[in-house]
């Protein structure tokens, strides 16, 4: 009986461990690949933007950004890939959406994954914790006209 209890406990621990691992979501980006909004705004305001800024959300808001549309739609990811095919692989490419926080955003993961798969060495995601209005527009950062 004692052996049976140990065996059941062991099985329970293995299953519990597997469920914890399944719940841990691995993002396609790292912390180092998140670009602070203030940093990008300062670069745009100083006229020192050498990077390619791509909107993968519902609307291009940031000054100088290219609008491809929501990254959750395959046609828009293909559109982004065509734009990137002409870009230097060592150029900084910054993607942004801003519809909602990353954990709920349907656009950032497919687009960022596609960006990385194209081999860009400086792939970045603009760090927008809440949304584009709160984290960009309300702060007075440069917007598209």
C-alpha atoms as a PDB file:
ATOM      1  CA  UNK A   1       0.000   0.000   0.000  1.00  0.00           C
ATOM      2  CA  UNK A   2       2.853   2.353   0.859  1.00  0.00           C
ATOM      3  CA  UNK A   3       4.443   1.671  -2.527  1.00  0.00           C
ATOM      4  CA  UNK A   4       1.153   2.421  -4.280  1.00  0.00           C
ATOM      5  CA  UNK A   5       0.848   5.754  -2.429  1.00  0.00           C
ATOM      6  CA  UNK A   6       4.398   6.691  -3.450  1.00  0.00           C
ATOM      7  CA  UNK A   7       3.662   5.786  -7.056  1.00  0.00           C
ATOM      8  CA  UNK A   8       0.463   7.863  -7.136  1.00  0.00           C
ATOM      9  CA  UNK A   9       2.313  10.796  -5.551  1.00  0.00           C
ATOM     10  CA  UNK A  10       5.068  10.530  -8.136  1.00  0.00           C
ATOM     11  CA  UNK A  11       2.570  10.474 -11.019  1.00  0.00           C
ATOM     12  CA  UNK A  12       0.755  13.468  -9.527  1.00  0.00           C
ATOM     13  CA  UNK A  13       4.005  15.445  -9.303  1.00  0.00           C
ATOM     14  CA  UNK A  14       4.909  14.657 -12.912  1.00  0.00           C
ATOM     15  CA  UNK A  15       1.469  15.705 -14.178  1.00  0.00           C
ATOM     16  CA  UNK A  16       1.495  18.851 -12.040  1.00  0.00           C
ATOM     17  CA  UNK A  17       4.933  19.783 -13.362  1.00  0.00           C
ATOM     18  CA  UNK A  18       3.784  19.260 -16.951  1.00  0.00           C
ATOM     19  CA  UNK A  19       0.723  21.475 -16.444  1.00  0.00           C
ATOM     20  CA  UNK A  20       2.893  24.274 -14.998  1.00  0.00           C
ATOM     21  CA  UNK A  21       5.221  24.094 -18.014  1.00  0.00           C
ATOM     22  CA  UNK A  22       2.268  24.161 -20.419  1.00  0.00           C
ATOM     23  CA  UNK A  23       1.005  27.362 -18.782  1.00  0.00           C
ATOM     24  CA  UNK A  24       4.365  29.132 -19.081  1.00  0.00           C
ATOM     25  CA  UNK A  25       4.199  31.161 -22.280  1.00  0.00           C
ATOM     26  CA  UNK A  26       7.449  31.806 -24.090  1.00  0.00           C
ATOM     27  CA  UNK A  27       7.391  35.054 -26.021  1.00  0.00           C
ATOM     28  CA  UNK A  28       9.198  35.365 -29.377  1.00  0.00           C
ATOM     29  CA  UNK A  29      11.058  38.439 -28.055  1.00  0.00           C
ATOM     30  CA  UNK A  30      13.425  38.960 -25.142  1.00  0.00           C
ATOM     31  CA  UNK A  31      13.497  41.831 -22.644  1.00  0.00           C
ATOM     32  CA  UNK A  32      16.535  43.210 -24.486  1.00  0.00           C
ATOM     33  CA  UNK A  33      14.466  43.410 -27.691  1.00  0.00           C
ATOM     34  CA  UNK A  34      11.886  45.726 -26.121  1.00  0.00           C
ATOM     35  CA  UNK A  35      12.491  49.331 -27.179  1.00  0.00           C
ATOM     36  CA  UNK A  36      11.439  51.983 -24.628  1.00  0.00           C
ATOM     37  CA  UNK A  37       8.925  54.488 -26.005  1.00  0.00           C
ATOM     38  CA  UNK A  38      10.849  57.472 -24.598  1.00  0.00           C
ATOM     39  CA  UNK A  39      14.001  56.325 -26.396  1.00  0.00           C
ATOM     40  CA  UNK A  40      12.247  56.077 -29.762  1.00  0.00           C
ATOM     41  CA  UNK A  41      10.439  59.396 -29.253  1.00  0.00           C
ATOM     42  CA  UNK A  42      13.768  61.112 -28.458  1.00  0.00           C
ATOM     43  CA  UNK A  43      15.357  59.652 -31.610  1.00  0.00           C
ATOM     44  CA  UNK A  44      12.449  60.806 -33.786  1.00  0.00           C
ATOM     45  CA  UNK A  45      12.442  64.293 -32.223  1.00  0.00           C
ATOM     46  CA  UNK A  46      16.207  64.608 -32.747  1.00  0.00           C
ATOM     47  CA  UNK A  47      15.874  63.541 -36.385  1.00  0.00           C
ATOM     48  CA  UNK A  48      18.137  60.564 -35.724  1.00  0.00           C
ATOM     49  CA  UNK A  49      15.850  57.810 -36.927  1.00  0.00           C
ATOM     50  CA  UNK A  50      17.736  55.317 -39.036  1.00  0.00           C
ATOM     51  CA  UNK A  51      15.483  52.453 -38.091  1.00  0.00           C
ATOM     52  CA  UNK A  52      12.460  51.107 -39.897  1.00  0.00           C
ATOM     53  CA  UNK A  53       9.328  51.543 -37.774  1.00  0.00           C
ATOM     54  CA  UNK A  54       6.408  49.330 -38.746  1.00  0.00           C
ATOM     55  CA  UNK A  55       2.878  49.499 -37.414  1.00  0.00           C
ATOM     56  CA  UNK A  56       1.361  46.031 -37.078  1.00  0.00           C
ATOM     57  CA  UNK A  57      -1.797  47.235 -35.347  1.00  0.00           C
ATOM     58  CA  UNK A  58      -5.045  48.818 -36.437  1.00  0.00           C
ATOM     59  CA  UNK A  59      -3.611  52.273 -37.235  1.00  0.00           C
ATOM     60  CA  UNK A  60      -0.226  53.883 -37.821  1.00  0.00           C
ATOM     61  CA  UNK A  61       0.211  56.537 -35.136  1.00  0.00           C
ATOM     62  CA  UNK A  62       3.955  57.070 -34.796  1.00  0.00           C
ATOM     63  CA  UNK A  63       5.593  59.683 -36.996  1.00  0.00           C
ATOM     64  CA  UNK A  64       7.558  58.080 -39.821  1.00  0.00           C
ATOM     65  CA  UNK A  65       6.112  54.604 -39.350  1.00  0.00           C
ATOM     66  CA  UNK A  66       4.998  52.333 -42.156  1.00  0.00           C
ATOM     67  CA  UNK A  67       1.477  50.913 -41.843  1.00  0.00           C
ATOM     68  CA  UNK A  68       1.000  47.251 -42.765  1.00  0.00           C
ATOM     69  CA  UNK A  69      -2.159  46.587 -40.759  1.00  0.00           C
ATOM     70  CA  UNK A  70      -2.895  44.087 -37.995  1.00  0.00           C
ATOM     71  CA  UNK A  71      -0.229  41.400 -37.640  1.00  0.00           C
ATOM     72  CA  UNK A  72      -2.878  38.811 -36.817  1.00  0.00           C
ATOM     73  CA  UNK A  73      -3.860  38.748 -40.509  1.00  0.00           C
ATOM     74  CA  UNK A  74      -1.616  36.631 -42.742  1.00  0.00           C
ATOM     75  CA  UNK A  75      -1.964  39.041 -45.674  1.00  0.00           C
ATOM     76  CA  UNK A  76      -0.550  41.860 -43.531  1.00  0.00           C
ATOM     77  CA  UNK A  77       2.379  39.713 -42.353  1.00  0.00           C
ATOM     78  CA  UNK A  78       3.112  38.960 -46.025  1.00  0.00           C
ATOM     79  CA  UNK A  79       2.929  42.711 -46.755  1.00  0.00           C
ATOM     80  CA  UNK A  80       5.437  43.323 -43.946  1.00  0.00           C
ATOM     81  CA  UNK A  81       7.730  40.597 -45.299  1.00  0.00           C
ATOM     82  CA  UNK A  82       7.746  42.275 -48.734  1.00  0.00           C
ATOM     83  CA  UNK A  83       8.776  45.570 -47.146  1.00  0.00           C
ATOM     84  CA  UNK A  84      11.470  43.820 -45.113  1.00  0.00           C
ATOM     85  CA  UNK A  85      12.816  41.989 -48.178  1.00  0.00           C
ATOM     86  CA  UNK A  86      14.200  45.343 -49.368  1.00  0.00           C
ATOM     87  CA  UNK A  87      15.705  46.316 -45.997  1.00  0.00           C
ATOM     88  CA  UNK A  88      19.218  45.792 -44.649  1.00  0.00           C
ATOM     89  CA  UNK A  89      19.269  42.803 -42.262  1.00  0.00           C
ATOM     90  CA  UNK A  90      21.468  44.820 -39.871  1.00  0.00           C
ATOM     91  CA  UNK A  91      19.089  47.783 -39.741  1.00  0.00           C
ATOM     92  CA  UNK A  92      17.064  48.209 -36.560  1.00  0.00           C
ATOM     93  CA  UNK A  93      13.439  47.282 -37.247  1.00  0.00           C
ATOM     94  CA  UNK A  94      10.865  48.288 -34.640  1.00  0.00           C
ATOM     95  CA  UNK A  95       7.387  46.808 -34.652  1.00  0.00           C
ATOM     96  CA  UNK A  96       4.503  48.284 -32.695  1.00  0.00           C
ATOM     97  CA  UNK A  97       0.799  47.717 -32.262  1.00  0.00           C
ATOM     98  CA  UNK A  98      -0.607  49.428 -29.178  1.00  0.00           C
ATOM     99  CA  UNK A  99      -4.144  48.072 -29.315  1.00  0.00           C
ATOM    100  CA  UNK A 100      -3.771  46.554 -25.840  1.00  0.00           C
ATOM    101  CA  UNK A 101      -1.162  45.043 -23.472  1.00  0.00           C
ATOM    102  CA  UNK A 102       1.121  42.379 -24.997  1.00  0.00           C
ATOM    103  CA  UNK A 103      -0.533  39.489 -23.140  1.00  0.00           C
ATOM    104  CA  UNK A 104      -3.818  40.177 -24.973  1.00  0.00           C
ATOM    105  CA  UNK A 105      -2.473  41.496 -28.285  1.00  0.00           C
ATOM    106  CA  UNK A 106      -3.237  39.277 -31.288  1.00  0.00           C
ATOM    107  CA  UNK A 107      -0.818  41.167 -33.560  1.00  0.00           C
ATOM    108  CA  UNK A 108       2.633  41.227 -31.967  1.00  0.00           C
ATOM    109  CA  UNK A 109       3.479  37.512 -31.869  1.00  0.00           C
ATOM    110  CA  UNK A 110       2.881  36.572 -35.522  1.00  0.00           C
ATOM    111  CA  UNK A 111       4.559  39.734 -36.808  1.00  0.00           C
ATOM    112  CA  UNK A 112       7.578  39.560 -34.492  1.00  0.00           C
ATOM    113  CA  UNK A 113       8.046  35.868 -35.251  1.00  0.00           C
ATOM    114  CA  UNK A 114       8.035  36.642 -38.986  1.00  0.00           C
ATOM    115  CA  UNK A 115      10.537  39.471 -38.440  1.00  0.00           C
ATOM    116  CA  UNK A 116      12.924  37.151 -36.614  1.00  0.00           C
ATOM    117  CA  UNK A 117      12.510  34.426 -39.236  1.00  0.00           C
ATOM    118  CA  UNK A 118      13.714  36.897 -41.879  1.00  0.00           C
ATOM    119  CA  UNK A 119      17.023  37.130 -40.040  1.00  0.00           C
ATOM    120  CA  UNK A 120      17.056  40.729 -38.817  1.00  0.00           C
ATOM    121  CA  UNK A 121      19.814  41.155 -36.241  1.00  0.00           C
ATOM    122  CA  UNK A 122      18.233  44.208 -34.605  1.00  0.00           C
ATOM    123  CA  UNK A 123      14.602  43.118 -34.348  1.00  0.00           C
ATOM    124  CA  UNK A 124      12.791  45.210 -31.719  1.00  0.00           C
ATOM    125  CA  UNK A 125       9.290  45.540 -30.345  1.00  0.00           C
ATOM    126  CA  UNK A 126       8.178  48.919 -29.007  1.00  0.00           C
ATOM    127  CA  UNK A 127       7.420  48.474 -25.319  1.00  0.00           C
ATOM    128  CA  UNK A 128       3.819  49.653 -25.022  1.00  0.00           C
ATOM    129  CA  UNK A 129       2.580  48.345 -21.653  1.00  0.00           C
ATOM    130  CA  UNK A 130      -1.042  49.610 -21.892  1.00  0.00           C
ATOM    131  CA  UNK A 131      -1.942  51.006 -25.326  1.00  0.00           C
ATOM    132  CA  UNK A 132      -0.765  53.501 -27.931  1.00  0.00           C
ATOM    133  CA  UNK A 133      -2.940  56.326 -26.563  1.00  0.00           C
ATOM    134  CA  UNK A 134      -1.666  56.055 -22.975  1.00  0.00           C
ATOM    135  CA  UNK A 135       1.950  55.165 -23.755  1.00  0.00           C
ATOM    136  CA  UNK A 136       2.553  57.386 -26.807  1.00  0.00           C
ATOM    137  CA  UNK A 137      -0.119  59.954 -27.708  1.00  0.00           C
ATOM    138  CA  UNK A 138      -0.886  61.161 -24.158  1.00  0.00           C
ATOM    139  CA  UNK A 139       2.843  61.636 -23.526  1.00  0.00           C
ATOM    140  CA  UNK A 140       3.077  64.073 -26.426  1.00  0.00           C
ATOM    141  CA  UNK A 141       5.397  61.861 -28.485  1.00  0.00           C
ATOM    142  CA  UNK A 142       5.592  62.517 -32.256  1.00  0.00           C
ATOM    143  CA  UNK A 143       2.556  61.283 -34.178  1.00  0.00           C
ATOM    144  CA  UNK A 144       1.832  60.820 -37.863  1.00  0.00           C
ATOM    145  CA  UNK A 145      -0.146  63.567 -39.555  1.00  0.00           C
END
